Amino acid sequence: MSRFKKTEKRSVPQPPSGSLSDIVFMLLFFFMVTTTMRETENKVMVKLPEASEVAKLERKDLTSYINIGTPIRSLQAQYGNDSRIQLNDSFKTVDEIRDFIAAERDAMSEADRSFMTVAIKADETTRMGIVSDVKQELRKCSALKIMYTARRPAEE
């Protein structure tokens, strides 16, 4: 005869779920704090041209974007079908680029101002004249680091 008898079957205890809600709320709070939303709304249609060589941008926070293209369909009745320049959330002229670059520089720290890059996002059907005008204006305000945004060529 044995001294110990197994009279009941043992079950695995359930893990404590009291702190589960705390963990879920901590994750939710973390993603809410670290996620950045799109800062500007695209008001121009831009189909990026293909490029033979593409390099990835290292610091996007030091980049200011200039979008050039035809206005989206809902704005074509007001602005027409010609290519327009979009700086932040509004249409601007070439003469207003200086103020835009000055405001972007003022928003940066003094150490980062020399690393500022201007990215031109131009539609592939945009005439080169307006892009040249933008480049000339960027030269006048000493924004000499210019990058063209393009898409990778289609893999065949």
C-alpha atoms as a PDB file:
ATOM      1  CA  MET A   1       0.000   0.000   0.000  1.00  0.00           C
ATOM      2  CA  SER A   2       1.182   3.427  -0.838  1.00  0.00           C
ATOM      3  CA  ARG A   3       0.895   6.318   1.473  1.00  0.00           C
ATOM      4  CA  PHE A   4      -0.032   8.925  -1.135  1.00  0.00           C
ATOM      5  CA  LYS A   5      -3.101   8.534  -3.223  1.00  0.00           C
ATOM      6  CA  LYS A   6      -4.094  10.688  -6.124  1.00  0.00           C
ATOM      7  CA  THR A   7      -7.730  11.351  -5.576  1.00  0.00           C
ATOM      8  CA  GLU A   8      -8.240  14.395  -7.786  1.00  0.00           C
ATOM      9  CA  LYS A   9      -6.896  15.391 -11.117  1.00  0.00           C
ATOM     10  CA  ARG A  10      -4.724  18.516 -11.134  1.00  0.00           C
ATOM     11  CA  SER A  11      -5.232  21.315 -13.645  1.00  0.00           C
ATOM     12  CA  VAL A  12      -2.843  23.998 -14.830  1.00  0.00           C
ATOM     13  CA  PRO A  13      -3.584  27.310 -13.105  1.00  0.00           C
ATOM     14  CA  GLN A  14      -4.635  30.219 -15.332  1.00  0.00           C
ATOM     15  CA  PRO A  15      -2.172  33.104 -15.687  1.00  0.00           C
ATOM     16  CA  PRO A  16      -3.201  36.229 -13.808  1.00  0.00           C
ATOM     17  CA  SER A  17      -5.073  38.607 -16.082  1.00  0.00           C
ATOM     18  CA  GLY A  18      -5.249  41.541 -13.690  1.00  0.00           C
ATOM     19  CA  SER A  19      -2.251  43.314 -15.184  1.00  0.00           C
ATOM     20  CA  LEU A  20      -3.181  42.512 -18.782  1.00  0.00           C
ATOM     21  CA  SER A  21      -5.210  45.698 -19.155  1.00  0.00           C
ATOM     22  CA  ASP A  22      -2.266  47.748 -17.872  1.00  0.00           C
ATOM     23  CA  ILE A  23       0.015  46.229 -20.505  1.00  0.00           C
ATOM     24  CA  VAL A  24      -2.510  46.895 -23.279  1.00  0.00           C
ATOM     25  CA  PHE A  25      -2.896  50.539 -22.240  1.00  0.00           C
ATOM     26  CA  MET A  26       0.877  51.013 -22.013  1.00  0.00           C
ATOM     27  CA  LEU A  27       1.277  49.687 -25.573  1.00  0.00           C
ATOM     28  CA  LEU A  28      -1.574  51.873 -26.803  1.00  0.00           C
ATOM     29  CA  PHE A  29      -0.052  54.938 -25.159  1.00  0.00           C
ATOM     30  CA  PHE A  30       3.387  54.115 -26.607  1.00  0.00           C
ATOM     31  CA  PHE A  31       2.073  53.900 -30.170  1.00  0.00           C
ATOM     32  CA  MET A  32       0.007  57.051 -29.763  1.00  0.00           C
ATOM     33  CA  VAL A  33       3.068  59.001 -28.649  1.00  0.00           C
ATOM     34  CA  THR A  34       5.547  57.661 -31.206  1.00  0.00           C
ATOM     35  CA  THR A  35       3.343  57.709 -34.321  1.00  0.00           C
ATOM     36  CA  THR A  36       3.606  60.781 -36.515  1.00  0.00           C
ATOM     37  CA  MET A  37       0.765  61.765 -38.751  1.00  0.00           C
ATOM     38  CA  ARG A  38       1.118  63.301 -42.208  1.00  0.00           C
ATOM     39  CA  GLU A  39       1.723  66.987 -41.691  1.00  0.00           C
ATOM     40  CA  THR A  40       0.563  68.298 -45.054  1.00  0.00           C
ATOM     41  CA  GLU A  41      -2.249  67.374 -47.378  1.00  0.00           C
ATOM     42  CA  ASN A  42      -1.381  66.784 -51.016  1.00  0.00           C
ATOM     43  CA  LYS A  43      -3.213  69.282 -53.172  1.00  0.00           C
ATOM     44  CA  VAL A  44      -1.370  68.376 -56.363  1.00  0.00           C
ATOM     45  CA  MET A  45      -1.260  65.077 -58.222  1.00  0.00           C
ATOM     46  CA  VAL A  46       2.298  63.797 -58.425  1.00  0.00           C
ATOM     47  CA  LYS A  47       3.267  60.692 -60.350  1.00  0.00           C
ATOM     48  CA  LEU A  48       6.960  60.405 -59.655  1.00  0.00           C
ATOM     49  CA  PRO A  49       9.291  59.778 -62.599  1.00  0.00           C
ATOM     50  CA  GLU A  50      11.499  56.678 -62.693  1.00  0.00           C
ATOM     51  CA  ALA A  51      15.147  57.046 -61.779  1.00  0.00           C
ATOM     52  CA  SER A  52      18.138  54.969 -62.775  1.00  0.00           C
ATOM     53  CA  GLU A  53      19.728  55.315 -59.338  1.00  0.00           C
ATOM     54  CA  VAL A  54      17.815  55.848 -56.115  1.00  0.00           C
ATOM     55  CA  ALA A  55      19.310  56.634 -52.710  1.00  0.00           C
ATOM     56  CA  LYS A  56      17.391  56.607 -49.463  1.00  0.00           C
ATOM     57  CA  LEU A  57      17.245  59.795 -47.424  1.00  0.00           C
ATOM     58  CA  GLU A  58      18.936  59.499 -44.037  1.00  0.00           C
ATOM     59  CA  ARG A  59      17.255  62.250 -42.026  1.00  0.00           C
ATOM     60  CA  LYS A  60      13.774  63.153 -43.179  1.00  0.00           C
ATOM     61  CA  ASP A  61      13.339  65.703 -40.404  1.00  0.00           C
ATOM     62  CA  LEU A  62      15.874  67.997 -42.115  1.00  0.00           C
ATOM     63  CA  THR A  63      14.011  67.878 -45.436  1.00  0.00           C
ATOM     64  CA  SER A  64      11.574  70.478 -46.751  1.00  0.00           C
ATOM     65  CA  TYR A  65       9.290  69.391 -49.573  1.00  0.00           C
ATOM     66  CA  ILE A  66       8.185  71.370 -52.619  1.00  0.00           C
ATOM     67  CA  ASN A  67       5.409  69.624 -54.601  1.00  0.00           C
ATOM     68  CA  ILE A  68       4.917  70.586 -58.243  1.00  0.00           C
ATOM     69  CA  GLY A  69       2.043  69.204 -60.315  1.00  0.00           C
ATOM     70  CA  THR A  70      -1.506  69.699 -61.494  1.00  0.00           C
ATOM     71  CA  PRO A  71      -4.098  70.370 -58.794  1.00  0.00           C
ATOM     72  CA  ILE A  72      -6.252  67.448 -57.630  1.00  0.00           C
ATOM     73  CA  ARG A  73      -9.617  67.063 -59.361  1.00  0.00           C
ATOM     74  CA  SER A  74     -11.618  68.825 -56.645  1.00  0.00           C
ATOM     75  CA  LEU A  75      -9.400  71.929 -56.953  1.00  0.00           C
ATOM     76  CA  GLN A  76      -9.087  72.046 -60.755  1.00  0.00           C
ATOM     77  CA  ALA A  77     -12.203  74.198 -61.151  1.00  0.00           C
ATOM     78  CA  GLN A  78     -10.622  76.826 -58.903  1.00  0.00           C
ATOM     79  CA  TYR A  79      -6.948  76.610 -59.939  1.00  0.00           C
ATOM     80  CA  GLY A  80      -7.042  75.154 -63.467  1.00  0.00           C
ATOM     81  CA  ASN A  81      -5.029  72.337 -65.056  1.00  0.00           C
ATOM     82  CA  ASP A  82      -1.601  74.034 -65.189  1.00  0.00           C
ATOM     83  CA  SER A  83       1.210  72.901 -62.918  1.00  0.00           C
ATOM     84  CA  ARG A  84       1.221  74.621 -59.530  1.00  0.00           C
ATOM     85  CA  ILE A  85       3.697  74.829 -56.646  1.00  0.00           C
ATOM     86  CA  GLN A  86       2.533  73.535 -53.273  1.00  0.00           C
ATOM     87  CA  LEU A  87       4.449  74.611 -50.163  1.00  0.00           C
ATOM     88  CA  ASN A  88       3.074  73.039 -46.983  1.00  0.00           C
ATOM     89  CA  ASP A  89      -0.728  73.160 -47.322  1.00  0.00           C
ATOM     90  CA  SER A  90      -1.202  75.948 -49.849  1.00  0.00           C
ATOM     91  CA  PHE A  91      -0.413  76.944 -53.411  1.00  0.00           C
ATOM     92  CA  LYS A  92       2.344  79.524 -53.731  1.00  0.00           C
ATOM     93  CA  THR A  93       4.240  81.325 -56.447  1.00  0.00           C
ATOM     94  CA  VAL A  94       7.961  81.110 -57.180  1.00  0.00           C
ATOM     95  CA  ASP A  95       8.523  84.431 -55.391  1.00  0.00           C
ATOM     96  CA  GLU A  96       7.168  83.024 -52.113  1.00  0.00           C
ATOM     97  CA  ILE A  97       9.766  80.233 -51.963  1.00  0.00           C
ATOM     98  CA  ARG A  98      12.237  82.516 -50.152  1.00  0.00           C
ATOM     99  CA  ASP A  99       9.818  83.053 -47.271  1.00  0.00           C
ATOM    100  CA  PHE A 100       9.120  79.312 -47.129  1.00  0.00           C
ATOM    101  CA  ILE A 101      12.848  78.430 -46.932  1.00  0.00           C
ATOM    102  CA  ALA A 102      13.448  81.125 -44.308  1.00  0.00           C
ATOM    103  CA  ALA A 103      10.586  79.787 -42.167  1.00  0.00           C
ATOM    104  CA  GLU A 104      11.846  76.209 -42.518  1.00  0.00           C
ATOM    105  CA  ARG A 105      15.361  77.266 -41.482  1.00  0.00           C
ATOM    106  CA  ASP A 106      14.037  79.167 -38.466  1.00  0.00           C
ATOM    107  CA  ALA A 107      12.191  76.059 -37.303  1.00  0.00           C
ATOM    108  CA  MET A 108      15.456  74.045 -37.221  1.00  0.00           C
ATOM    109  CA  SER A 109      18.177  74.160 -34.623  1.00  0.00           C
ATOM    110  CA  GLU A 110      21.245  76.174 -35.562  1.00  0.00           C
ATOM    111  CA  ALA A 111      23.434  73.070 -35.808  1.00  0.00           C
ATOM    112  CA  ASP A 112      21.055  71.395 -38.298  1.00  0.00           C
ATOM    113  CA  ARG A 113      20.574  74.359 -40.633  1.00  0.00           C
ATOM    114  CA  SER A 114      23.627  73.501 -42.711  1.00  0.00           C
ATOM    115  CA  PHE A 115      22.220  70.000 -43.318  1.00  0.00           C
ATOM    116  CA  MET A 116      18.848  71.226 -44.630  1.00  0.00           C
ATOM    117  CA  THR A 117      17.781  69.534 -47.864  1.00  0.00           C
ATOM    118  CA  VAL A 118      15.037  70.675 -50.210  1.00  0.00           C
ATOM    119  CA  ALA A 119      13.211  67.804 -51.925  1.00  0.00           C
ATOM    120  CA  ILE A 120      11.438  68.639 -55.154  1.00  0.00           C
ATOM    121  CA  LYS A 121       8.524  66.292 -55.779  1.00  0.00           C
ATOM    122  CA  ALA A 122       7.562  67.043 -59.360  1.00  0.00           C
ATOM    123  CA  ASP A 123       5.080  65.193 -61.523  1.00  0.00           C
ATOM    124  CA  GLU A 124       6.646  63.407 -64.475  1.00  0.00           C
ATOM    125  CA  THR A 125       4.563  65.486 -66.919  1.00  0.00           C
ATOM    126  CA  THR A 126       5.537  68.831 -65.366  1.00  0.00           C
ATOM    127  CA  ARG A 127       7.385  71.145 -67.716  1.00  0.00           C
ATOM    128  CA  MET A 128      11.016  71.730 -66.847  1.00  0.00           C
ATOM    129  CA  GLY A 129      10.537  75.528 -66.965  1.00  0.00           C
ATOM    130  CA  ILE A 130       8.716  75.687 -63.635  1.00  0.00           C
ATOM    131  CA  VAL A 131      11.265  73.327 -62.048  1.00  0.00           C
ATOM    132  CA  SER A 132      14.095  75.538 -63.315  1.00  0.00           C
ATOM    133  CA  ASP A 133      12.387  78.614 -61.873  1.00  0.00           C
ATOM    134  CA  VAL A 134      12.114  76.878 -58.495  1.00  0.00           C
ATOM    135  CA  LYS A 135      15.789  75.886 -58.634  1.00  0.00           C
ATOM    136  CA  GLN A 136      16.846  79.448 -59.484  1.00  0.00           C
ATOM    137  CA  GLU A 137      14.867  80.793 -56.543  1.00  0.00           C
ATOM    138  CA  LEU A 138      16.426  78.181 -54.223  1.00  0.00           C
ATOM    139  CA  ARG A 139      19.877  79.316 -55.367  1.00  0.00           C
ATOM    140  CA  LYS A 140      19.008  82.933 -54.544  1.00  0.00           C
ATOM    141  CA  CYS A 141      18.125  81.997 -50.963  1.00  0.00           C
ATOM    142  CA  SER A 142      21.214  79.735 -50.583  1.00  0.00           C
ATOM    143  CA  ALA A 143      19.309  76.453 -50.369  1.00  0.00           C
ATOM    144  CA  LEU A 144      21.883  74.537 -52.374  1.00  0.00           C
ATOM    145  CA  LYS A 145      21.167  70.954 -51.269  1.00  0.00           C
ATOM    146  CA  ILE A 146      18.428  69.921 -53.668  1.00  0.00           C
ATOM    147  CA  MET A 147      17.082  66.414 -54.130  1.00  0.00           C
ATOM    148  CA  TYR A 148      14.605  65.142 -56.697  1.00  0.00           C
ATOM    149  CA  THR A 149      12.104  62.587 -55.452  1.00  0.00           C
ATOM    150  CA  ALA A 150      11.715  59.634 -57.799  1.00  0.00           C
ATOM    151  CA  ARG A 151      10.471  56.060 -57.807  1.00  0.00           C
ATOM    152  CA  ARG A 152      12.468  52.930 -58.410  1.00  0.00           C
ATOM    153  CA  PRO A 153      12.286  51.482 -61.926  1.00  0.00           C
ATOM    154  CA  ALA A 154       9.878  48.612 -62.410  1.00  0.00           C
ATOM    155  CA  GLU A 155      11.561  45.213 -62.023  1.00  0.00           C
ATOM    156  CA  GLU A 156      11.330  43.116 -65.174  1.00  0.00           C
END
